[in-house]
Amino acid sequence: MRPVRVQIQPLLETLNKNRTQHRAVFEEALEGYRKEAIRVLDGHIAELKSGKPKRVYVSVPYPEDHTADYDAAIGLLNLSVDDFAELDEASYKCFVLDDWNWKRQWAASNSGYVSAQTAKSLDEFN
């Protein structure tokens, strides 16, 4: 399929909406990550203070953030002197459908740190 010409302004509105939603999920996941990391570390500290000999390993995966990908696309379109842009199928999937190549991994990395309602919306990518 060949690229199609689309109006930049509606495309920017869609990208900005998708960016806002992405960032909100990341920020929620970041708060959940902080709580989980504190819970894990507090557990280790309590066991160490009780005198139990223990090797301490901590692995709390950091949630993924791809806000910069949205910012790059938005910045590029904002620099355009044209009212229209050409989109190929891959760009359409990212910019309009919000289906980036990292989306499934991002959803998986963040789903454990968000509310049940947000996690349910992330399930569509897994």
C-alpha atoms as a PDB file:
ATOM      1  CA  MET A   1       0.000   0.000   0.000  1.00  0.00           C
ATOM      2  CA  ARG A   2       1.357   3.398  -0.902  1.00  0.00           C
ATOM      3  CA  PRO A   3       1.458   6.281   1.608  1.00  0.00           C
ATOM      4  CA  VAL A   4      -1.598   8.501   1.933  1.00  0.00           C
ATOM      5  CA  ARG A   5      -1.799  12.230   2.551  1.00  0.00           C
ATOM      6  CA  VAL A   6      -3.428  13.226   5.815  1.00  0.00           C
ATOM      7  CA  GLN A   7      -4.090  16.565   7.442  1.00  0.00           C
ATOM      8  CA  ILE A   8      -1.453  17.314  10.060  1.00  0.00           C
ATOM      9  CA  GLN A   9      -3.721  19.046  12.593  1.00  0.00           C
ATOM     10  CA  PRO A  10      -6.067  16.084  13.250  1.00  0.00           C
ATOM     11  CA  LEU A  11      -3.045  13.784  13.255  1.00  0.00           C
ATOM     12  CA  LEU A  12      -1.386  15.982  15.899  1.00  0.00           C
ATOM     13  CA  GLU A  13      -4.559  15.929  17.983  1.00  0.00           C
ATOM     14  CA  THR A  14      -4.616  12.124  17.870  1.00  0.00           C
ATOM     15  CA  LEU A  15      -0.929  11.857  18.717  1.00  0.00           C
ATOM     16  CA  ASN A  16      -1.304  14.276  21.636  1.00  0.00           C
ATOM     17  CA  LYS A  17      -4.296  12.319  22.971  1.00  0.00           C
ATOM     18  CA  ASN A  18      -2.371   9.043  22.697  1.00  0.00           C
ATOM     19  CA  ARG A  19       0.667  10.624  24.372  1.00  0.00           C
ATOM     20  CA  THR A  20      -1.459  11.902  27.257  1.00  0.00           C
ATOM     21  CA  GLN A  21      -2.960   8.454  27.813  1.00  0.00           C
ATOM     22  CA  HIS A  22       0.447   6.769  27.576  1.00  0.00           C
ATOM     23  CA  ARG A  23       2.002   9.171  30.067  1.00  0.00           C
ATOM     24  CA  ALA A  24      -0.887   8.754  32.525  1.00  0.00           C
ATOM     25  CA  VAL A  25      -0.466   4.970  32.509  1.00  0.00           C
ATOM     26  CA  PHE A  26       3.299   5.319  32.974  1.00  0.00           C
ATOM     27  CA  GLU A  27       2.883   7.723  35.888  1.00  0.00           C
ATOM     28  CA  GLU A  28       0.398   5.358  37.533  1.00  0.00           C
ATOM     29  CA  ALA A  29       2.803   2.473  36.960  1.00  0.00           C
ATOM     30  CA  LEU A  30       5.684   4.507  38.373  1.00  0.00           C
ATOM     31  CA  GLU A  31       3.742   5.107  41.587  1.00  0.00           C
ATOM     32  CA  GLY A  32       2.913   1.395  41.793  1.00  0.00           C
ATOM     33  CA  TYR A  33       6.583   0.582  41.175  1.00  0.00           C
ATOM     34  CA  ARG A  34       7.646   2.857  44.038  1.00  0.00           C
ATOM     35  CA  LYS A  35       5.189   1.184  46.394  1.00  0.00           C
ATOM     36  CA  GLU A  36       6.302  -2.305  45.343  1.00  0.00           C
ATOM     37  CA  ALA A  37      10.015  -1.455  45.642  1.00  0.00           C
ATOM     38  CA  ILE A  38       9.465  -0.012  49.125  1.00  0.00           C
ATOM     39  CA  ARG A  39       7.443  -3.080  50.141  1.00  0.00           C
ATOM     40  CA  VAL A  40      10.192  -5.452  48.958  1.00  0.00           C
ATOM     41  CA  LEU A  41      12.989  -3.414  50.535  1.00  0.00           C
ATOM     42  CA  ASP A  42      11.104  -2.991  53.826  1.00  0.00           C
ATOM     43  CA  GLY A  43      10.669  -6.774  53.972  1.00  0.00           C
ATOM     44  CA  HIS A  44      14.396  -7.320  53.539  1.00  0.00           C
ATOM     45  CA  ILE A  45      15.219  -4.657  56.113  1.00  0.00           C
ATOM     46  CA  ALA A  46      12.821  -6.185  58.648  1.00  0.00           C
ATOM     47  CA  GLU A  47      14.393  -9.626  58.190  1.00  0.00           C
ATOM     48  CA  LEU A  48      17.911  -8.200  58.509  1.00  0.00           C
ATOM     49  CA  LYS A  49      16.991  -6.232  61.639  1.00  0.00           C
ATOM     50  CA  SER A  50      15.558  -9.385  63.206  1.00  0.00           C
ATOM     51  CA  GLY A  51      19.008 -10.916  62.984  1.00  0.00           C
ATOM     52  CA  LYS A  52      18.225 -13.519  60.362  1.00  0.00           C
ATOM     53  CA  PRO A  53      21.226 -14.111  58.151  1.00  0.00           C
ATOM     54  CA  LYS A  54      20.104 -13.397  54.665  1.00  0.00           C
ATOM     55  CA  ARG A  55      21.476 -12.663  51.248  1.00  0.00           C
ATOM     56  CA  VAL A  56      19.597  -9.797  49.761  1.00  0.00           C
ATOM     57  CA  TYR A  57      18.666  -9.710  46.115  1.00  0.00           C
ATOM     58  CA  VAL A  58      16.302  -7.092  44.829  1.00  0.00           C
ATOM     59  CA  SER A  59      14.701  -7.144  41.424  1.00  0.00           C
ATOM     60  CA  VAL A  60      11.749  -4.890  40.886  1.00  0.00           C
ATOM     61  CA  PRO A  61      11.477  -4.183  37.155  1.00  0.00           C
ATOM     62  CA  TYR A  62      11.186  -0.512  36.305  1.00  0.00           C
ATOM     63  CA  PRO A  63       8.109   0.397  34.247  1.00  0.00           C
ATOM     64  CA  GLU A  64       8.722   1.364  30.638  1.00  0.00           C
ATOM     65  CA  ASP A  65       8.098   4.879  29.346  1.00  0.00           C
ATOM     66  CA  HIS A  66       7.971   5.734  25.657  1.00  0.00           C
ATOM     67  CA  THR A  67       6.757   9.316  25.945  1.00  0.00           C
ATOM     68  CA  ALA A  68       9.832  10.392  23.970  1.00  0.00           C
ATOM     69  CA  ASP A  69       8.567   8.449  20.939  1.00  0.00           C
ATOM     70  CA  TYR A  70       5.359  10.487  20.958  1.00  0.00           C
ATOM     71  CA  ASP A  71       7.327  13.695  21.522  1.00  0.00           C
ATOM     72  CA  ALA A  72       9.562  12.940  18.538  1.00  0.00           C
ATOM     73  CA  ALA A  73       6.604  12.344  16.214  1.00  0.00           C
ATOM     74  CA  ILE A  74       4.763  15.414  17.517  1.00  0.00           C
ATOM     75  CA  GLY A  75       7.903  17.545  17.215  1.00  0.00           C
ATOM     76  CA  LEU A  76       8.482  16.425  13.649  1.00  0.00           C
ATOM     77  CA  LEU A  77       4.921  17.262  12.625  1.00  0.00           C
ATOM     78  CA  ASN A  78       5.094  20.616  14.391  1.00  0.00           C
ATOM     79  CA  LEU A  79       8.143  21.503  12.284  1.00  0.00           C
ATOM     80  CA  SER A  80       6.322  20.850   9.029  1.00  0.00           C
ATOM     81  CA  VAL A  81       5.558  23.858   6.863  1.00  0.00           C
ATOM     82  CA  ASP A  82       2.846  21.833   5.114  1.00  0.00           C
ATOM     83  CA  ASP A  83      -0.752  21.257   6.119  1.00  0.00           C
ATOM     84  CA  PHE A  84      -0.552  17.618   5.019  1.00  0.00           C
ATOM     85  CA  ALA A  85       1.790  14.720   5.710  1.00  0.00           C
ATOM     86  CA  GLU A  86       2.218  11.371   4.022  1.00  0.00           C
ATOM     87  CA  LEU A  87       1.661   8.343   6.230  1.00  0.00           C
ATOM     88  CA  ASP A  88       2.569   4.792   5.359  1.00  0.00           C
ATOM     89  CA  GLU A  89       0.839   1.837   6.998  1.00  0.00           C
ATOM     90  CA  ALA A  90       3.479   1.476   9.744  1.00  0.00           C
ATOM     91  CA  SER A  91       3.250   5.164  10.684  1.00  0.00           C
ATOM     92  CA  TYR A  92      -0.545   4.975  10.667  1.00  0.00           C
ATOM     93  CA  LYS A  93      -0.454   2.038  13.101  1.00  0.00           C
ATOM     94  CA  CYS A  94       1.803   3.984  15.466  1.00  0.00           C
ATOM     95  CA  PHE A  95       0.445   7.510  15.196  1.00  0.00           C
ATOM     96  CA  VAL A  96      -3.274   6.842  14.780  1.00  0.00           C
ATOM     97  CA  LEU A  97      -3.967   3.343  16.110  1.00  0.00           C
ATOM     98  CA  ASP A  98      -1.379   3.778  18.906  1.00  0.00           C
ATOM     99  CA  ASP A  99       0.054   0.352  18.073  1.00  0.00           C
ATOM    100  CA  TRP A 100       3.833   0.796  18.321  1.00  0.00           C
ATOM    101  CA  ASN A 101       6.332  -2.063  18.008  1.00  0.00           C
ATOM    102  CA  TRP A 102       7.064  -1.773  21.747  1.00  0.00           C
ATOM    103  CA  LYS A 103       3.409  -1.601  22.855  1.00  0.00           C
ATOM    104  CA  ARG A 104       2.988  -5.211  24.021  1.00  0.00           C
ATOM    105  CA  GLN A 105       6.217  -5.208  26.053  1.00  0.00           C
ATOM    106  CA  TRP A 106       5.306  -1.802  27.495  1.00  0.00           C
ATOM    107  CA  ALA A 107       1.849  -3.029  28.510  1.00  0.00           C
ATOM    108  CA  ALA A 108       3.325  -6.142  30.120  1.00  0.00           C
ATOM    109  CA  SER A 109       5.986  -4.191  32.042  1.00  0.00           C
ATOM    110  CA  ASN A 110       3.480  -1.704  33.426  1.00  0.00           C
ATOM    111  CA  SER A 111       0.416  -3.877  34.043  1.00  0.00           C
ATOM    112  CA  GLY A 112       1.650  -5.202  37.393  1.00  0.00           C
ATOM    113  CA  TYR A 113       1.888  -1.709  38.850  1.00  0.00           C
ATOM    114  CA  VAL A 114      -1.437  -0.164  37.857  1.00  0.00           C
ATOM    115  CA  SER A 115      -5.046  -0.378  39.019  1.00  0.00           C
ATOM    116  CA  ALA A 116      -7.187  -3.298  37.929  1.00  0.00           C
ATOM    117  CA  GLN A 117      -9.136  -1.024  35.592  1.00  0.00           C
ATOM    118  CA  THR A 118      -5.983   0.267  33.888  1.00  0.00           C
ATOM    119  CA  ALA A 119      -4.516  -3.251  33.742  1.00  0.00           C
ATOM    120  CA  LYS A 120      -7.659  -4.440  31.980  1.00  0.00           C
ATOM    121  CA  SER A 121      -7.166  -1.807  29.283  1.00  0.00           C
ATOM    122  CA  LEU A 122      -3.542  -2.929  28.877  1.00  0.00           C
ATOM    123  CA  ASP A 123      -4.619  -6.565  28.413  1.00  0.00           C
ATOM    124  CA  GLU A 124      -5.731  -5.789  24.875  1.00  0.00           C
ATOM    125  CA  PHE A 125      -2.059  -5.569  23.864  1.00  0.00           C
ATOM    126  CA  ASN A 126      -1.008  -8.923  25.321  1.00  0.00           C
END
